[in-house]
């Protein structure tokens, strides 16, 4: 039996099938090229050279390749410069804007994709009205997936008691003096979910001071808009629970987002209703409109940059009086809607196919 393989899957150099058809990558040929070029460059550090060489020789696709860029190839080095750094890569037609770490020194640099839309807050401020619910869910899946892989180490540091960060994103138990844990990251994740869902940063209209820290420890949480899908509301509230052991894990949410395969799942139905509500708000001439990030005015003492926080004598964190009751009611309502799975089920895989 003779099987014909399309020429587009054949390496033109060795006439063998690509080892990675999707990326058009021939590992033997590329490894040979990298091997021939090993004596043409050096970082000056044997360990770094070995690390880069191993990455090149074992690469299974172009994304796996790391290369050493001599400092004299950098032009017009500034703190941020994206105008002239269009580097030639494996796929020449795909130019990348880049930014450099520690640009004012001659230390080792990593060339990374430049975030052209700025940080999350700037991106939401400029693009929120153009982001639909399915896109929001994709962002949340991507974020939970990456954090699930990133946060695997023991974060406890008994020798370090200082609190450094952005006040609204810090878990109440950390503010009150407890050690930093993975559960504290889940609380912060809940704040980010709120920000992606609403487009607003947390507590934008009040000073970020000890008074706010006290209120957070006493159960203050941001109000989640009523038109938010209930499954998302429950997700955020679980992250914000002052009872640390009641919070979920990143892996749990990653699995929720990715593994469900039913396009007719309850979350999709809720999303459609939320989008219909938004469309109706836009099409009707009513005074009851949804505020957008563009309308938001930030208090001059609302600080969204990391700083050292020294708040002593804060009370042990607790939930607001009605918080736990509302969370129980949400959980029961979700159980009635999804009798086969009372937990959060979100179909996201069709977004990334």
C-alpha atoms as a PDB file:
ATOM      1  CA  UNK A   1       0.000   0.000   0.000  1.00  0.00           C
ATOM      2  CA  UNK A   2       1.360   3.408  -0.982  1.00  0.00           C
ATOM      3  CA  UNK A   3       0.433   6.489   1.033  1.00  0.00           C
ATOM      4  CA  UNK A   4       0.992   9.851  -0.607  1.00  0.00           C
ATOM      5  CA  UNK A   5       1.942  12.737   1.687  1.00  0.00           C
ATOM      6  CA  UNK A   6       1.252  16.286   0.543  1.00  0.00           C
ATOM      7  CA  UNK A   7       4.403  18.230  -0.343  1.00  0.00           C
ATOM      8  CA  UNK A   8       3.473  20.917   2.157  1.00  0.00           C
ATOM      9  CA  UNK A   9       4.201  18.393   4.944  1.00  0.00           C
ATOM     10  CA  UNK A  10       7.624  17.483   3.526  1.00  0.00           C
ATOM     11  CA  UNK A  11      10.867  19.168   4.568  1.00  0.00           C
ATOM     12  CA  UNK A  12      12.411  20.574   1.345  1.00  0.00           C
ATOM     13  CA  UNK A  13      15.891  20.000   2.759  1.00  0.00           C
ATOM     14  CA  UNK A  14      15.798  16.297   3.610  1.00  0.00           C
ATOM     15  CA  UNK A  15      12.600  15.312   1.745  1.00  0.00           C
ATOM     16  CA  UNK A  16      11.261  13.666   4.884  1.00  0.00           C
ATOM     17  CA  UNK A  17       7.967  14.372   6.597  1.00  0.00           C
ATOM     18  CA  UNK A  18       8.159  17.254   9.074  1.00  0.00           C
ATOM     19  CA  UNK A  19       8.552  16.043  12.638  1.00  0.00           C
ATOM     20  CA  UNK A  20       5.978  18.707  13.530  1.00  0.00           C
ATOM     21  CA  UNK A  21       3.572  19.063  10.624  1.00  0.00           C
ATOM     22  CA  UNK A  22       1.497  21.799  12.224  1.00  0.00           C
ATOM     23  CA  UNK A  23       4.471  24.140  12.596  1.00  0.00           C
ATOM     24  CA  UNK A  24       6.359  22.981   9.505  1.00  0.00           C
ATOM     25  CA  UNK A  25       9.304  21.990  11.703  1.00  0.00           C
ATOM     26  CA  UNK A  26      11.980  19.449  10.826  1.00  0.00           C
ATOM     27  CA  UNK A  27      13.859  18.642  14.010  1.00  0.00           C
ATOM     28  CA  UNK A  28      16.840  16.806  12.430  1.00  0.00           C
ATOM     29  CA  UNK A  29      17.537  19.588   9.926  1.00  0.00           C
ATOM     30  CA  UNK A  30      17.080  22.438  12.368  1.00  0.00           C
ATOM     31  CA  UNK A  31      19.162  20.676  15.005  1.00  0.00           C
ATOM     32  CA  UNK A  32      21.925  20.282  12.420  1.00  0.00           C
ATOM     33  CA  UNK A  33      21.822  24.015  11.623  1.00  0.00           C
ATOM     34  CA  UNK A  34      21.965  24.942  15.300  1.00  0.00           C
ATOM     35  CA  UNK A  35      24.839  22.502  15.826  1.00  0.00           C
ATOM     36  CA  UNK A  36      26.805  24.108  12.987  1.00  0.00           C
ATOM     37  CA  UNK A  37      26.289  27.577  14.474  1.00  0.00           C
ATOM     38  CA  UNK A  38      27.316  26.751  18.048  1.00  0.00           C
ATOM     39  CA  UNK A  39      30.813  28.200  17.620  1.00  0.00           C
ATOM     40  CA  UNK A  40      29.496  31.441  16.129  1.00  0.00           C
ATOM     41  CA  UNK A  41      28.113  32.888  19.359  1.00  0.00           C
ATOM     42  CA  UNK A  42      28.589  32.883  23.135  1.00  0.00           C
ATOM     43  CA  UNK A  43      27.000  34.675  26.041  1.00  0.00           C
ATOM     44  CA  UNK A  44      30.268  34.551  27.940  1.00  0.00           C
ATOM     45  CA  UNK A  45      28.697  32.236  30.489  1.00  0.00           C
ATOM     46  CA  UNK A  46      29.090  28.478  30.000  1.00  0.00           C
ATOM     47  CA  UNK A  47      25.913  27.613  31.908  1.00  0.00           C
ATOM     48  CA  UNK A  48      23.789  30.031  29.891  1.00  0.00           C
ATOM     49  CA  UNK A  49      25.368  28.772  26.662  1.00  0.00           C
ATOM     50  CA  UNK A  50      24.547  25.179  27.614  1.00  0.00           C
ATOM     51  CA  UNK A  51      20.954  26.101  28.491  1.00  0.00           C
ATOM     52  CA  UNK A  52      20.401  27.857  25.142  1.00  0.00           C
ATOM     53  CA  UNK A  53      22.120  25.083  23.165  1.00  0.00           C
ATOM     54  CA  UNK A  54      19.986  22.373  24.774  1.00  0.00           C
ATOM     55  CA  UNK A  55      16.828  24.354  23.987  1.00  0.00           C
ATOM     56  CA  UNK A  56      17.868  24.743  20.349  1.00  0.00           C
ATOM     57  CA  UNK A  57      18.946  21.147  19.761  1.00  0.00           C
ATOM     58  CA  UNK A  58      15.835  19.696  21.415  1.00  0.00           C
ATOM     59  CA  UNK A  59      13.287  22.129  19.958  1.00  0.00           C
ATOM     60  CA  UNK A  60      10.186  20.473  18.528  1.00  0.00           C
ATOM     61  CA  UNK A  61       8.767  23.701  17.080  1.00  0.00           C
ATOM     62  CA  UNK A  62       9.921  27.255  16.470  1.00  0.00           C
ATOM     63  CA  UNK A  63       8.429  28.461  19.753  1.00  0.00           C
ATOM     64  CA  UNK A  64      10.816  26.203  21.673  1.00  0.00           C
ATOM     65  CA  UNK A  65      13.907  27.943  20.290  1.00  0.00           C
ATOM     66  CA  UNK A  66      15.933  30.310  22.479  1.00  0.00           C
ATOM     67  CA  UNK A  67      18.699  32.389  20.949  1.00  0.00           C
ATOM     68  CA  UNK A  68      21.449  34.586  22.303  1.00  0.00           C
ATOM     69  CA  UNK A  69      21.241  38.213  21.156  1.00  0.00           C
ATOM     70  CA  UNK A  70      24.539  40.122  21.531  1.00  0.00           C
ATOM     71  CA  UNK A  71      24.139  43.470  23.209  1.00  0.00           C
ATOM     72  CA  UNK A  72      25.546  45.323  20.194  1.00  0.00           C
ATOM     73  CA  UNK A  73      22.503  44.245  18.188  1.00  0.00           C
ATOM     74  CA  UNK A  74      20.235  46.363  20.363  1.00  0.00           C
ATOM     75  CA  UNK A  75      19.603  49.814  18.959  1.00  0.00           C
ATOM     76  CA  UNK A  76      18.312  52.944  20.678  1.00  0.00           C
ATOM     77  CA  UNK A  77      17.974  51.291  24.091  1.00  0.00           C
ATOM     78  CA  UNK A  78      15.417  53.099  26.229  1.00  0.00           C
ATOM     79  CA  UNK A  79      13.185  52.150  29.144  1.00  0.00           C
ATOM     80  CA  UNK A  80      10.429  51.256  26.667  1.00  0.00           C
ATOM     81  CA  UNK A  81      11.082  51.307  22.926  1.00  0.00           C
ATOM     82  CA  UNK A  82       8.852  49.444  20.509  1.00  0.00           C
ATOM     83  CA  UNK A  83       9.401  51.445  17.328  1.00  0.00           C
ATOM     84  CA  UNK A  84      12.566  49.915  15.931  1.00  0.00           C
ATOM     85  CA  UNK A  85      12.891  46.491  17.548  1.00  0.00           C
ATOM     86  CA  UNK A  86      11.349  44.360  14.800  1.00  0.00           C
ATOM     87  CA  UNK A  87      13.383  41.158  15.167  1.00  0.00           C
ATOM     88  CA  UNK A  88      13.725  38.580  12.422  1.00  0.00           C
ATOM     89  CA  UNK A  89      12.480  35.195  13.586  1.00  0.00           C
ATOM     90  CA  UNK A  90      11.766  31.736  12.209  1.00  0.00           C
ATOM     91  CA  UNK A  91       8.515  32.967  10.690  1.00  0.00           C
ATOM     92  CA  UNK A  92       9.797  36.105   9.055  1.00  0.00           C
ATOM     93  CA  UNK A  93       6.365  37.400   8.157  1.00  0.00           C
ATOM     94  CA  UNK A  94       5.282  37.475  11.805  1.00  0.00           C
ATOM     95  CA  UNK A  95       7.040  40.523  13.225  1.00  0.00           C
ATOM     96  CA  UNK A  96       6.915  41.045  16.954  1.00  0.00           C
ATOM     97  CA  UNK A  97       7.006  44.224  18.969  1.00  0.00           C
ATOM     98  CA  UNK A  98       9.290  43.666  21.928  1.00  0.00           C
ATOM     99  CA  UNK A  99      10.184  45.249  25.255  1.00  0.00           C
ATOM    100  CA  UNK A 100      13.383  44.734  27.234  1.00  0.00           C
ATOM    101  CA  UNK A 101      13.911  43.955  30.881  1.00  0.00           C
ATOM    102  CA  UNK A 102      16.432  46.194  32.712  1.00  0.00           C
ATOM    103  CA  UNK A 103      17.097  48.289  29.596  1.00  0.00           C
ATOM    104  CA  UNK A 104      19.545  50.710  31.197  1.00  0.00           C
ATOM    105  CA  UNK A 105      22.121  48.040  32.080  1.00  0.00           C
ATOM    106  CA  UNK A 106      24.273  45.647  30.071  1.00  0.00           C
ATOM    107  CA  UNK A 107      22.979  42.714  32.098  1.00  0.00           C
ATOM    108  CA  UNK A 108      21.355  39.706  30.470  1.00  0.00           C
ATOM    109  CA  UNK A 109      18.057  40.494  28.802  1.00  0.00           C
ATOM    110  CA  UNK A 110      14.987  38.545  27.861  1.00  0.00           C
ATOM    111  CA  UNK A 111      13.237  39.705  24.687  1.00  0.00           C
ATOM    112  CA  UNK A 112       9.498  39.426  25.290  1.00  0.00           C
ATOM    113  CA  UNK A 113       6.344  40.278  23.386  1.00  0.00           C
ATOM    114  CA  UNK A 114       5.377  43.865  24.158  1.00  0.00           C
ATOM    115  CA  UNK A 115       1.899  44.358  25.615  1.00  0.00           C
ATOM    116  CA  UNK A 116       0.710  46.939  23.101  1.00  0.00           C
ATOM    117  CA  UNK A 117      -2.600  47.471  24.909  1.00  0.00           C
ATOM    118  CA  UNK A 118      -0.929  48.159  28.259  1.00  0.00           C
ATOM    119  CA  UNK A 119      -1.814  46.458  31.524  1.00  0.00           C
ATOM    120  CA  UNK A 120      -5.171  44.880  32.324  1.00  0.00           C
ATOM    121  CA  UNK A 121      -6.657  48.122  33.594  1.00  0.00           C
ATOM    122  CA  UNK A 122      -5.690  50.121  30.527  1.00  0.00           C
ATOM    123  CA  UNK A 123      -6.876  47.343  28.234  1.00  0.00           C
ATOM    124  CA  UNK A 124     -10.284  47.165  29.908  1.00  0.00           C
ATOM    125  CA  UNK A 125     -10.640  50.930  29.971  1.00  0.00           C
ATOM    126  CA  UNK A 126     -10.023  51.184  26.230  1.00  0.00           C
ATOM    127  CA  UNK A 127     -11.685  47.983  25.024  1.00  0.00           C
ATOM    128  CA  UNK A 128     -14.319  46.921  27.559  1.00  0.00           C
ATOM    129  CA  UNK A 129     -17.328  47.854  25.417  1.00  0.00           C
ATOM    130  CA  UNK A 130     -15.986  45.633  22.628  1.00  0.00           C
ATOM    131  CA  UNK A 131     -15.427  42.538  24.795  1.00  0.00           C
ATOM    132  CA  UNK A 132     -18.281  40.020  24.871  1.00  0.00           C
ATOM    133  CA  UNK A 133     -18.965  37.465  27.582  1.00  0.00           C
ATOM    134  CA  UNK A 134     -17.404  34.555  25.722  1.00  0.00           C
ATOM    135  CA  UNK A 135     -14.189  36.529  25.390  1.00  0.00           C
ATOM    136  CA  UNK A 136     -14.289  37.289  29.106  1.00  0.00           C
ATOM    137  CA  UNK A 137     -14.630  33.589  29.861  1.00  0.00           C
ATOM    138  CA  UNK A 138     -11.721  32.794  27.589  1.00  0.00           C
ATOM    139  CA  UNK A 139      -9.573  35.332  29.471  1.00  0.00           C
ATOM    140  CA  UNK A 140     -10.596  33.739  32.772  1.00  0.00           C
ATOM    141  CA  UNK A 141      -9.818  30.227  31.521  1.00  0.00           C
ATOM    142  CA  UNK A 142      -6.425  31.374  30.240  1.00  0.00           C
ATOM    143  CA  UNK A 143      -5.628  33.173  33.487  1.00  0.00           C
ATOM    144  CA  UNK A 144      -6.698  30.314  35.761  1.00  0.00           C
ATOM    145  CA  UNK A 145      -4.772  27.841  33.597  1.00  0.00           C
ATOM    146  CA  UNK A 146      -1.554  29.834  33.768  1.00  0.00           C
ATOM    147  CA  UNK A 147      -1.881  30.536  37.487  1.00  0.00           C
ATOM    148  CA  UNK A 148      -2.598  26.864  38.146  1.00  0.00           C
ATOM    149  CA  UNK A 149       0.786  26.007  36.646  1.00  0.00           C
ATOM    150  CA  UNK A 150       2.643  28.987  38.077  1.00  0.00           C
ATOM    151  CA  UNK A 151       1.588  28.792  41.702  1.00  0.00           C
ATOM    152  CA  UNK A 152       2.920  25.468  42.848  1.00  0.00           C
ATOM    153  CA  UNK A 153       5.541  26.354  45.413  1.00  0.00           C
ATOM    154  CA  UNK A 154       5.153  26.895  49.129  1.00  0.00           C
ATOM    155  CA  UNK A 155       4.551  30.619  49.445  1.00  0.00           C
ATOM    156  CA  UNK A 156       4.815  30.772  53.207  1.00  0.00           C
ATOM    157  CA  UNK A 157       7.692  32.903  54.447  1.00  0.00           C
ATOM    158  CA  UNK A 158       7.841  32.887  58.252  1.00  0.00           C
ATOM    159  CA  UNK A 159      10.748  35.324  58.306  1.00  0.00           C
ATOM    160  CA  UNK A 160       8.984  38.014  56.301  1.00  0.00           C
ATOM    161  CA  UNK A 161       6.060  39.846  57.874  1.00  0.00           C
ATOM    162  CA  UNK A 162       5.972  42.924  55.666  1.00  0.00           C
ATOM    163  CA  UNK A 163       2.979  43.321  53.360  1.00  0.00           C
ATOM    164  CA  UNK A 164       3.814  44.631  49.906  1.00  0.00           C
ATOM    165  CA  UNK A 165       1.217  44.957  47.189  1.00  0.00           C
ATOM    166  CA  UNK A 166      -1.954  46.704  46.034  1.00  0.00           C
ATOM    167  CA  UNK A 167      -4.379  46.949  48.959  1.00  0.00           C
ATOM    168  CA  UNK A 168      -7.682  45.952  47.260  1.00  0.00           C
ATOM    169  CA  UNK A 169      -6.116  42.768  45.856  1.00  0.00           C
ATOM    170  CA  UNK A 170      -4.652  41.514  49.142  1.00  0.00           C
ATOM    171  CA  UNK A 171      -6.596  38.862  51.043  1.00  0.00           C
ATOM    172  CA  UNK A 172      -8.054  40.004  54.383  1.00  0.00           C
ATOM    173  CA  UNK A 173      -6.210  37.332  56.378  1.00  0.00           C
ATOM    174  CA  UNK A 174      -2.901  38.637  55.023  1.00  0.00           C
ATOM    175  CA  UNK A 175      -3.879  42.202  55.923  1.00  0.00           C
ATOM    176  CA  UNK A 176      -4.599  41.057  59.470  1.00  0.00           C
ATOM    177  CA  UNK A 177      -1.184  39.435  59.849  1.00  0.00           C
ATOM    178  CA  UNK A 178      -1.539  35.812  58.694  1.00  0.00           C
ATOM    179  CA  UNK A 179       1.015  34.137  56.455  1.00  0.00           C
ATOM    180  CA  UNK A 180       0.615  34.412  52.706  1.00  0.00           C
ATOM    181  CA  UNK A 181      -0.877  31.238  51.185  1.00  0.00           C
ATOM    182  CA  UNK A 182      -2.218  29.935  47.890  1.00  0.00           C
ATOM    183  CA  UNK A 183      -5.700  30.691  49.182  1.00  0.00           C
ATOM    184  CA  UNK A 184      -4.692  34.351  49.368  1.00  0.00           C
ATOM    185  CA  UNK A 185      -3.918  34.212  45.651  1.00  0.00           C
ATOM    186  CA  UNK A 186      -7.405  32.827  45.044  1.00  0.00           C
ATOM    187  CA  UNK A 187      -8.852  35.889  46.784  1.00  0.00           C
ATOM    188  CA  UNK A 188      -6.774  38.120  44.494  1.00  0.00           C
ATOM    189  CA  UNK A 189      -7.934  36.076  41.509  1.00  0.00           C
ATOM    190  CA  UNK A 190     -11.524  36.811  42.520  1.00  0.00           C
ATOM    191  CA  UNK A 191     -10.772  40.536  42.425  1.00  0.00           C
ATOM    192  CA  UNK A 192      -9.304  40.168  38.933  1.00  0.00           C
ATOM    193  CA  UNK A 193     -12.366  38.180  37.808  1.00  0.00           C
ATOM    194  CA  UNK A 194     -14.545  41.012  39.109  1.00  0.00           C
ATOM    195  CA  UNK A 195     -12.425  43.508  37.181  1.00  0.00           C
ATOM    196  CA  UNK A 196     -12.669  41.541  33.928  1.00  0.00           C
ATOM    197  CA  UNK A 197     -16.425  41.028  34.348  1.00  0.00           C
ATOM    198  CA  UNK A 198     -17.292  44.627  35.231  1.00  0.00           C
ATOM    199  CA  UNK A 199     -14.425  46.583  33.691  1.00  0.00           C
ATOM    200  CA  UNK A 200     -13.880  48.426  36.964  1.00  0.00           C
ATOM    201  CA  UNK A 201     -10.902  48.268  39.314  1.00  0.00           C
ATOM    202  CA  UNK A 202     -11.802  47.445  42.923  1.00  0.00           C
ATOM    203  CA  UNK A 203     -12.881  50.314  45.178  1.00  0.00           C
ATOM    204  CA  UNK A 204     -12.118  53.129  42.719  1.00  0.00           C
ATOM    205  CA  UNK A 205     -14.108  55.807  44.515  1.00  0.00           C
ATOM    206  CA  UNK A 206     -12.620  55.668  48.028  1.00  0.00           C
ATOM    207  CA  UNK A 207      -9.144  56.113  49.564  1.00  0.00           C
ATOM    208  CA  UNK A 208      -7.018  52.978  49.787  1.00  0.00           C
ATOM    209  CA  UNK A 209      -5.988  53.384  53.409  1.00  0.00           C
ATOM    210  CA  UNK A 210      -6.197  51.616  56.759  1.00  0.00           C
ATOM    211  CA  UNK A 211      -9.899  52.373  56.953  1.00  0.00           C
ATOM    212  CA  UNK A 212     -10.481  50.364  53.770  1.00  0.00           C
ATOM    213  CA  UNK A 213      -8.281  47.549  55.105  1.00  0.00           C
ATOM    214  CA  UNK A 214     -10.405  47.439  58.265  1.00  0.00           C
ATOM    215  CA  UNK A 215     -13.618  47.311  56.231  1.00  0.00           C
ATOM    216  CA  UNK A 216     -12.277  44.491  54.037  1.00  0.00           C
ATOM    217  CA  UNK A 217     -11.399  42.477  57.143  1.00  0.00           C
ATOM    218  CA  UNK A 218     -14.908  43.215  58.411  1.00  0.00           C
ATOM    219  CA  UNK A 219     -16.496  41.735  55.285  1.00  0.00           C
ATOM    220  CA  UNK A 220     -16.636  44.590  52.781  1.00  0.00           C
ATOM    221  CA  UNK A 221     -16.714  43.290  49.207  1.00  0.00           C
ATOM    222  CA  UNK A 222     -17.443  44.912  45.865  1.00  0.00           C
ATOM    223  CA  UNK A 223     -21.051  44.745  44.666  1.00  0.00           C
ATOM    224  CA  UNK A 224     -21.389  42.389  41.729  1.00  0.00           C
ATOM    225  CA  UNK A 225     -23.783  43.755  39.049  1.00  0.00           C
ATOM    226  CA  UNK A 226     -27.166  42.014  39.109  1.00  0.00           C
ATOM    227  CA  UNK A 227     -27.022  41.125  35.397  1.00  0.00           C
ATOM    228  CA  UNK A 228     -23.843  39.055  35.901  1.00  0.00           C
ATOM    229  CA  UNK A 229     -24.468  35.328  35.235  1.00  0.00           C
ATOM    230  CA  UNK A 230     -25.157  33.605  38.545  1.00  0.00           C
ATOM    231  CA  UNK A 231     -22.429  31.039  37.994  1.00  0.00           C
ATOM    232  CA  UNK A 232     -19.868  33.819  37.631  1.00  0.00           C
ATOM    233  CA  UNK A 233     -21.258  35.628  40.676  1.00  0.00           C
ATOM    234  CA  UNK A 234     -20.895  32.436  42.713  1.00  0.00           C
ATOM    235  CA  UNK A 235     -17.388  31.949  41.396  1.00  0.00           C
ATOM    236  CA  UNK A 236     -16.321  35.412  42.538  1.00  0.00           C
ATOM    237  CA  UNK A 237     -17.992  35.069  45.934  1.00  0.00           C
ATOM    238  CA  UNK A 238     -16.270  31.752  46.619  1.00  0.00           C
ATOM    239  CA  UNK A 239     -12.915  33.412  45.962  1.00  0.00           C
ATOM    240  CA  UNK A 240     -13.803  36.236  48.363  1.00  0.00           C
ATOM    241  CA  UNK A 241     -14.936  34.010  51.230  1.00  0.00           C
ATOM    242  CA  UNK A 242     -13.252  35.085  54.477  1.00  0.00           C
ATOM    243  CA  UNK A 243     -13.256  31.408  55.443  1.00  0.00           C
ATOM    244  CA  UNK A 244      -9.995  30.467  53.760  1.00  0.00           C
ATOM    245  CA  UNK A 245     -10.738  26.729  53.594  1.00  0.00           C
ATOM    246  CA  UNK A 246     -13.947  27.411  51.656  1.00  0.00           C
ATOM    247  CA  UNK A 247     -12.121  28.977  48.725  1.00  0.00           C
ATOM    248  CA  UNK A 248     -11.567  26.930  45.553  1.00  0.00           C
ATOM    249  CA  UNK A 249      -8.239  26.246  43.844  1.00  0.00           C
ATOM    250  CA  UNK A 250      -6.890  27.444  40.502  1.00  0.00           C
ATOM    251  CA  UNK A 251      -6.831  23.856  39.261  1.00  0.00           C
ATOM    252  CA  UNK A 252     -10.482  23.483  40.182  1.00  0.00           C
ATOM    253  CA  UNK A 253     -11.445  26.504  38.114  1.00  0.00           C
ATOM    254  CA  UNK A 254      -9.167  25.519  35.259  1.00  0.00           C
ATOM    255  CA  UNK A 255     -10.937  22.161  35.108  1.00  0.00           C
ATOM    256  CA  UNK A 256     -14.349  23.820  35.341  1.00  0.00           C
ATOM    257  CA  UNK A 257     -13.551  26.111  32.452  1.00  0.00           C
ATOM    258  CA  UNK A 258     -11.893  23.599  30.164  1.00  0.00           C
ATOM    259  CA  UNK A 259     -13.333  20.129  30.655  1.00  0.00           C
ATOM    260  CA  UNK A 260     -17.033  20.771  30.123  1.00  0.00           C
ATOM    261  CA  UNK A 261     -18.068  19.958  26.576  1.00  0.00           C
ATOM    262  CA  UNK A 262     -21.737  20.851  26.514  1.00  0.00           C
ATOM    263  CA  UNK A 263     -22.335  23.974  24.460  1.00  0.00           C
ATOM    264  CA  UNK A 264     -25.848  24.106  25.871  1.00  0.00           C
ATOM    265  CA  UNK A 265     -24.601  24.252  29.458  1.00  0.00           C
ATOM    266  CA  UNK A 266     -26.239  26.577  31.937  1.00  0.00           C
ATOM    267  CA  UNK A 267     -23.419  29.120  31.826  1.00  0.00           C
ATOM    268  CA  UNK A 268     -23.864  29.578  28.065  1.00  0.00           C
ATOM    269  CA  UNK A 269     -27.590  30.145  28.581  1.00  0.00           C
ATOM    270  CA  UNK A 270     -26.850  32.684  31.306  1.00  0.00           C
ATOM    271  CA  UNK A 271     -24.292  34.434  29.104  1.00  0.00           C
ATOM    272  CA  UNK A 272     -26.810  34.774  26.280  1.00  0.00           C
ATOM    273  CA  UNK A 273     -29.278  36.354  28.694  1.00  0.00           C
ATOM    274  CA  UNK A 274     -26.610  38.746  29.978  1.00  0.00           C
ATOM    275  CA  UNK A 275     -25.716  39.788  26.441  1.00  0.00           C
ATOM    276  CA  UNK A 276     -29.391  40.241  25.545  1.00  0.00           C
ATOM    277  CA  UNK A 277     -29.780  42.448  28.613  1.00  0.00           C
ATOM    278  CA  UNK A 278     -26.799  44.570  27.565  1.00  0.00           C
ATOM    279  CA  UNK A 279     -28.133  44.873  24.015  1.00  0.00           C
ATOM    280  CA  UNK A 280     -31.542  45.946  25.305  1.00  0.00           C
ATOM    281  CA  UNK A 281     -29.911  48.565  27.513  1.00  0.00           C
ATOM    282  CA  UNK A 282     -28.061  49.972  24.524  1.00  0.00           C
ATOM    283  CA  UNK A 283     -31.112  49.970  22.236  1.00  0.00           C
ATOM    284  CA  UNK A 284     -33.595  51.598  24.621  1.00  0.00           C
ATOM    285  CA  UNK A 285     -33.679  55.261  25.538  1.00  0.00           C
ATOM    286  CA  UNK A 286     -33.864  54.713  29.249  1.00  0.00           C
ATOM    287  CA  UNK A 287     -32.127  56.521  32.050  1.00  0.00           C
ATOM    288  CA  UNK A 288     -31.243  53.186  33.656  1.00  0.00           C
ATOM    289  CA  UNK A 289     -27.968  52.513  31.905  1.00  0.00           C
ATOM    290  CA  UNK A 290     -24.984  50.411  32.840  1.00  0.00           C
ATOM    291  CA  UNK A 291     -21.955  52.426  33.831  1.00  0.00           C
ATOM    292  CA  UNK A 292     -18.835  51.614  31.832  1.00  0.00           C
ATOM    293  CA  UNK A 293     -15.154  52.051  32.731  1.00  0.00           C
ATOM    294  CA  UNK A 294     -15.037  55.109  30.491  1.00  0.00           C
ATOM    295  CA  UNK A 295     -17.449  56.826  32.894  1.00  0.00           C
ATOM    296  CA  UNK A 296     -15.411  55.918  35.946  1.00  0.00           C
ATOM    297  CA  UNK A 297     -13.788  58.604  38.086  1.00  0.00           C
ATOM    298  CA  UNK A 298     -10.995  57.359  40.339  1.00  0.00           C
ATOM    299  CA  UNK A 299     -10.456  58.830  43.791  1.00  0.00           C
ATOM    300  CA  UNK A 300      -7.057  60.569  44.022  1.00  0.00           C
ATOM    301  CA  UNK A 301      -6.139  58.336  46.978  1.00  0.00           C
ATOM    302  CA  UNK A 302      -7.139  55.101  45.228  1.00  0.00           C
ATOM    303  CA  UNK A 303      -3.676  53.647  44.655  1.00  0.00           C
ATOM    304  CA  UNK A 304      -3.203  50.796  42.186  1.00  0.00           C
ATOM    305  CA  UNK A 305       0.571  50.423  42.404  1.00  0.00           C
ATOM    306  CA  UNK A 306       2.421  48.125  44.800  1.00  0.00           C
ATOM    307  CA  UNK A 307       3.634  49.664  48.047  1.00  0.00           C
ATOM    308  CA  UNK A 308       4.580  48.683  51.571  1.00  0.00           C
ATOM    309  CA  UNK A 309       1.466  48.387  53.745  1.00  0.00           C
ATOM    310  CA  UNK A 310       1.760  48.590  57.513  1.00  0.00           C
ATOM    311  CA  UNK A 311      -1.646  48.075  59.100  1.00  0.00           C
ATOM    312  CA  UNK A 312      -1.526  46.831  62.672  1.00  0.00           C
ATOM    313  CA  UNK A 313      -4.272  45.703  65.026  1.00  0.00           C
ATOM    314  CA  UNK A 314      -6.725  44.684  62.315  1.00  0.00           C
ATOM    315  CA  UNK A 315      -9.560  42.390  63.354  1.00  0.00           C
ATOM    316  CA  UNK A 316      -9.741  38.739  62.386  1.00  0.00           C
ATOM    317  CA  UNK A 317     -11.448  38.590  58.965  1.00  0.00           C
ATOM    318  CA  UNK A 318     -15.106  37.700  58.752  1.00  0.00           C
ATOM    319  CA  UNK A 319     -17.803  37.668  56.114  1.00  0.00           C
ATOM    320  CA  UNK A 320     -20.465  40.337  55.882  1.00  0.00           C
ATOM    321  CA  UNK A 321     -23.708  39.393  57.615  1.00  0.00           C
ATOM    322  CA  UNK A 322     -25.600  38.197  54.522  1.00  0.00           C
ATOM    323  CA  UNK A 323     -22.619  36.904  52.530  1.00  0.00           C
ATOM    324  CA  UNK A 324     -22.773  33.237  53.521  1.00  0.00           C
ATOM    325  CA  UNK A 325     -26.569  33.090  53.179  1.00  0.00           C
ATOM    326  CA  UNK A 326     -26.387  34.546  49.662  1.00  0.00           C
ATOM    327  CA  UNK A 327     -23.640  32.095  48.716  1.00  0.00           C
ATOM    328  CA  UNK A 328     -25.701  29.138  49.981  1.00  0.00           C
ATOM    329  CA  UNK A 329     -28.742  30.344  48.029  1.00  0.00           C
ATOM    330  CA  UNK A 330     -26.654  30.699  44.876  1.00  0.00           C
ATOM    331  CA  UNK A 331     -25.270  27.192  45.327  1.00  0.00           C
ATOM    332  CA  UNK A 332     -28.769  25.745  45.785  1.00  0.00           C
ATOM    333  CA  UNK A 333     -30.076  27.537  42.709  1.00  0.00           C
ATOM    334  CA  UNK A 334     -27.154  26.191  40.685  1.00  0.00           C
ATOM    335  CA  UNK A 335     -27.869  22.657  41.937  1.00  0.00           C
ATOM    336  CA  UNK A 336     -31.446  22.953  40.694  1.00  0.00           C
ATOM    337  CA  UNK A 337     -30.298  24.209  37.300  1.00  0.00           C
ATOM    338  CA  UNK A 338     -27.504  21.629  36.943  1.00  0.00           C
ATOM    339  CA  UNK A 339     -28.717  18.480  38.784  1.00  0.00           C
ATOM    340  CA  UNK A 340     -25.943  16.338  37.302  1.00  0.00           C
ATOM    341  CA  UNK A 341     -23.224  18.654  38.514  1.00  0.00           C
ATOM    342  CA  UNK A 342     -23.838  21.164  41.253  1.00  0.00           C
ATOM    343  CA  UNK A 343     -20.510  22.862  40.675  1.00  0.00           C
ATOM    344  CA  UNK A 344     -19.572  25.478  38.141  1.00  0.00           C
ATOM    345  CA  UNK A 345     -19.467  24.062  34.606  1.00  0.00           C
ATOM    346  CA  UNK A 346     -18.326  26.345  31.864  1.00  0.00           C
ATOM    347  CA  UNK A 347     -17.725  25.296  28.287  1.00  0.00           C
ATOM    348  CA  UNK A 348     -14.712  27.119  26.969  1.00  0.00           C
ATOM    349  CA  UNK A 349     -13.004  24.573  24.759  1.00  0.00           C
ATOM    350  CA  UNK A 350     -14.993  25.542  21.684  1.00  0.00           C
ATOM    351  CA  UNK A 351     -13.526  29.039  21.969  1.00  0.00           C
ATOM    352  CA  UNK A 352      -9.974  27.806  21.528  1.00  0.00           C
ATOM    353  CA  UNK A 353     -10.399  25.155  18.869  1.00  0.00           C
END
